[in-house]
């Protein structure tokens, strides 16, 4: 996943919240269940992006000493 997709995933997540609320309010029987599955997937993808960003920010790269000719 591309980190640049995060804003789009947030938009999808927010829209799903709104659709779930609407489906529950309107009494659409099976609709909320399917929307919850999609919402869970969107939230998992966002969490994966966040975890990847956090790992990248906290990664420690060992310092490689410069090549020196034998003395």
N, C-alpha and C. Protein backbone atom coordinates (compact mmCIF):
# COMPACT_ATOMS: atom_id res chain seq x y z
N UNK A 1 0.83 -1.19 0.00
CA UNK A 1 0.00 0.00 0.00
C UNK A 1 0.87 1.24 0.00
N UNK A 2 0.41 2.20 -0.69
CA UNK A 2 1.11 3.47 -0.80
C UNK A 2 0.63 4.39 0.33
N UNK A 3 1.54 4.95 1.12
CA UNK A 3 1.13 5.86 2.20
C UNK A 3 0.30 7.05 1.72
N UNK A 4 0.45 7.40 0.46
CA UNK A 4 -0.34 8.51 -0.08
C UNK A 4 -1.83 8.16 -0.18
N UNK A 5 -2.17 6.89 -0.05
CA UNK A 5 -3.56 6.46 -0.11
C UNK A 5 -4.31 6.68 1.21
N UNK A 6 -3.58 7.03 2.27
CA UNK A 6 -4.21 7.15 3.58
C UNK A 6 -5.38 8.14 3.60
N UNK A 7 -5.26 9.33 3.03
CA UNK A 7 -6.42 10.25 3.04
C UNK A 7 -7.65 9.65 2.35
N UNK A 8 -7.43 8.92 1.28
CA UNK A 8 -8.55 8.29 0.58
C UNK A 8 -9.18 7.20 1.45
N UNK A 9 -8.35 6.43 2.14
CA UNK A 9 -8.87 5.40 3.04
C UNK A 9 -9.65 6.03 4.19
N UNK A 10 -9.19 7.17 4.69
CA UNK A 10 -9.92 7.87 5.75
C UNK A 10 -11.29 8.32 5.24
N UNK A 11 -11.32 8.81 4.01
CA UNK A 11 -12.58 9.25 3.41
C UNK A 11 -13.54 8.06 3.28
N UNK A 12 -13.03 6.93 2.83
CA UNK A 12 -13.85 5.73 2.71
C UNK A 12 -14.38 5.33 4.08
N UNK A 13 -13.50 5.32 5.09
CA UNK A 13 -13.91 4.95 6.44
C UNK A 13 -15.02 5.88 6.95
N UNK A 14 -14.86 7.17 6.74
CA UNK A 14 -15.86 8.13 7.20
C UNK A 14 -17.19 7.93 6.49
N UNK A 15 -17.14 7.68 5.18
CA UNK A 15 -18.36 7.43 4.41
C UNK A 15 -19.05 6.15 4.89
N UNK A 16 -18.27 5.14 5.21
CA UNK A 16 -18.85 3.89 5.70
C UNK A 16 -19.56 4.11 7.03
N UNK A 17 -18.96 4.91 7.91
CA UNK A 17 -19.63 5.23 9.19
C UNK A 17 -20.99 5.86 8.91
N UNK A 18 -21.02 6.81 7.99
CA UNK A 18 -22.27 7.50 7.66
C UNK A 18 -23.29 6.53 7.05
N UNK A 19 -22.83 5.65 6.18
CA UNK A 19 -23.75 4.68 5.55
C UNK A 19 -24.28 3.68 6.56
N UNK A 20 -23.45 3.27 7.52
CA UNK A 20 -23.91 2.35 8.55
C UNK A 20 -25.00 3.01 9.39
N UNK A 21 -24.77 4.26 9.77
CA UNK A 21 -25.77 5.01 10.54
C UNK A 21 -27.07 5.10 9.77
N UNK A 22 -26.98 5.43 8.49
CA UNK A 22 -28.17 5.54 7.65
C UNK A 22 -28.89 4.19 7.54
N UNK A 23 -28.14 3.12 7.30
CA UNK A 23 -28.74 1.80 7.14
C UNK A 23 -29.45 1.36 8.42
N UNK A 24 -28.85 1.64 9.56
CA UNK A 24 -29.48 1.29 10.83
C UNK A 24 -30.73 2.13 11.07
N UNK A 25 -30.64 3.41 10.74
CA UNK A 25 -31.79 4.31 10.93
C UNK A 25 -32.96 3.91 10.03
N UNK A 26 -32.64 3.50 8.80
CA UNK A 26 -33.68 3.14 7.83
C UNK A 26 -34.17 1.70 7.99
N UNK A 27 -33.47 0.93 8.83
CA UNK A 27 -33.90 -0.45 9.06
C UNK A 27 -33.54 -1.41 7.94
N UNK A 28 -32.50 -1.09 7.19
CA UNK A 28 -32.05 -1.99 6.13
C UNK A 28 -31.37 -3.18 6.79
N UNK A 29 -32.00 -4.34 6.72
CA UNK A 29 -31.62 -5.47 7.56
C UNK A 29 -30.19 -5.96 7.38
N UNK A 30 -29.79 -6.37 6.19
CA UNK A 30 -28.47 -6.96 5.99
C UNK A 30 -27.40 -5.94 5.63
N UNK A 31 -27.79 -4.76 5.27
CA UNK A 31 -26.85 -3.74 4.81
C UNK A 31 -25.79 -3.37 5.86
N UNK A 32 -26.17 -3.12 7.12
CA UNK A 32 -25.14 -2.73 8.10
C UNK A 32 -24.05 -3.79 8.27
N UNK A 33 -24.42 -5.07 8.21
CA UNK A 33 -23.42 -6.12 8.39
C UNK A 33 -22.35 -6.07 7.31
N UNK A 34 -22.76 -5.94 6.06
CA UNK A 34 -21.79 -5.84 4.96
C UNK A 34 -20.94 -4.59 5.05
N UNK A 35 -21.56 -3.50 5.47
CA UNK A 35 -20.81 -2.25 5.63
C UNK A 35 -19.79 -2.35 6.75
N UNK A 36 -20.14 -3.07 7.82
CA UNK A 36 -19.19 -3.26 8.92
C UNK A 36 -17.97 -4.04 8.46
N UNK A 37 -18.16 -5.02 7.57
CA UNK A 37 -17.03 -5.78 7.03
C UNK A 37 -16.11 -4.84 6.25
N UNK A 38 -16.70 -4.00 5.41
CA UNK A 38 -15.89 -3.04 4.64
C UNK A 38 -15.19 -2.04 5.56
N UNK A 39 -15.89 -1.60 6.60
CA UNK A 39 -15.30 -0.66 7.55
C UNK A 39 -14.11 -1.29 8.26
N UNK A 40 -14.25 -2.53 8.67
CA UNK A 40 -13.15 -3.23 9.33
C UNK A 40 -11.94 -3.32 8.41
N UNK A 41 -12.18 -3.63 7.16
CA UNK A 41 -11.08 -3.72 6.18
C UNK A 41 -10.39 -2.37 6.01
N UNK A 42 -11.15 -1.30 5.89
CA UNK A 42 -10.56 0.03 5.73
C UNK A 42 -9.75 0.41 6.97
N UNK A 43 -10.29 0.11 8.14
CA UNK A 43 -9.56 0.44 9.38
C UNK A 43 -8.28 -0.39 9.51
N UNK A 44 -8.31 -1.64 9.08
CA UNK A 44 -7.11 -2.48 9.11
C UNK A 44 -6.03 -1.93 8.19
N UNK A 45 -6.43 -1.48 7.01
CA UNK A 45 -5.46 -0.91 6.06
C UNK A 45 -4.84 0.37 6.61
N UNK A 46 -5.65 1.20 7.23
CA UNK A 46 -5.12 2.42 7.85
C UNK A 46 -4.14 2.07 8.96
N UNK A 47 -4.49 1.08 9.77
CA UNK A 47 -3.61 0.65 10.85
C UNK A 47 -2.29 0.10 10.30
N UNK A 48 -2.35 -0.63 9.19
CA UNK A 48 -1.13 -1.15 8.57
C UNK A 48 -0.23 -0.02 8.09
N UNK A 49 -0.83 0.98 7.47
CA UNK A 49 -0.05 2.13 7.01
C UNK A 49 0.59 2.85 8.19
N UNK A 50 -0.17 3.02 9.27
CA UNK A 50 0.36 3.69 10.46
C UNK A 50 1.50 2.89 11.08
N UNK A 51 1.33 1.57 11.14
CA UNK A 51 2.38 0.71 11.71
C UNK A 51 3.64 0.77 10.85
N UNK A 52 3.47 0.76 9.54
CA UNK A 52 4.62 0.83 8.64
C UNK A 52 5.35 2.16 8.81
N UNK A 53 4.57 3.26 8.93
CA UNK A 53 5.17 4.58 9.12
C UNK A 53 5.93 4.63 10.44
N UNK A 54 5.33 4.07 11.49
CA UNK A 54 5.96 4.09 12.80
C UNK A 54 7.26 3.28 12.79
N UNK A 55 7.24 2.11 12.14
CA UNK A 55 8.46 1.30 12.04
C UNK A 55 9.54 2.06 11.30
N UNK A 56 9.15 2.75 10.25
CA UNK A 56 10.12 3.51 9.45
C UNK A 56 10.71 4.66 10.27
N UNK A 57 9.86 5.33 11.05
CA UNK A 57 10.33 6.46 11.86
C UNK A 57 11.24 6.03 12.99
N UNK A 58 11.06 4.81 13.48
CA UNK A 58 11.86 4.36 14.61
C UNK A 58 12.99 3.41 14.20
N UNK A 59 13.13 3.18 12.91
CA UNK A 59 14.18 2.28 12.45
C UNK A 59 15.55 2.87 12.76
N UNK A 60 16.44 2.01 13.15
CA UNK A 60 17.81 2.42 13.43
C UNK A 60 18.70 1.74 12.41
N UNK A 61 19.46 2.54 11.71
CA UNK A 61 20.36 2.01 10.71
C UNK A 61 21.78 2.04 11.26
N UNK A 62 22.44 0.89 11.26
CA UNK A 62 23.80 0.88 11.78
C UNK A 62 24.73 1.73 10.93
N UNK A 63 25.66 2.35 11.60
CA UNK A 63 26.64 3.17 10.90
C UNK A 63 27.70 2.25 10.32
N UNK A 64 27.93 2.41 9.05
CA UNK A 64 28.95 1.62 8.38
C UNK A 64 30.23 2.43 8.34
N UNK A 65 31.31 1.90 8.93
CA UNK A 65 32.55 2.68 8.92
C UNK A 65 33.08 2.83 7.50
N UNK A 66 33.79 3.92 7.24
CA UNK A 66 34.32 4.13 5.89
C UNK A 66 35.40 3.06 5.59
N UNK A 67 35.56 2.76 4.33
CA UNK A 67 36.62 1.83 3.92
C UNK A 67 37.98 2.49 4.14
N UNK A 68 38.86 1.78 4.80
CA UNK A 68 40.21 2.29 5.01
C UNK A 68 41.19 1.25 4.51
N UNK A 69 42.15 1.67 3.77
CA UNK A 69 43.13 0.69 3.31
C UNK A 69 43.90 0.14 4.50
N UNK A 70 44.35 -1.09 4.37
CA UNK A 70 45.16 -1.69 5.45
C UNK A 70 46.41 -0.87 5.66
N UNK A 71 46.84 -0.79 6.88
CA UNK A 71 48.01 0.02 7.20
C UNK A 71 49.24 -0.83 7.19
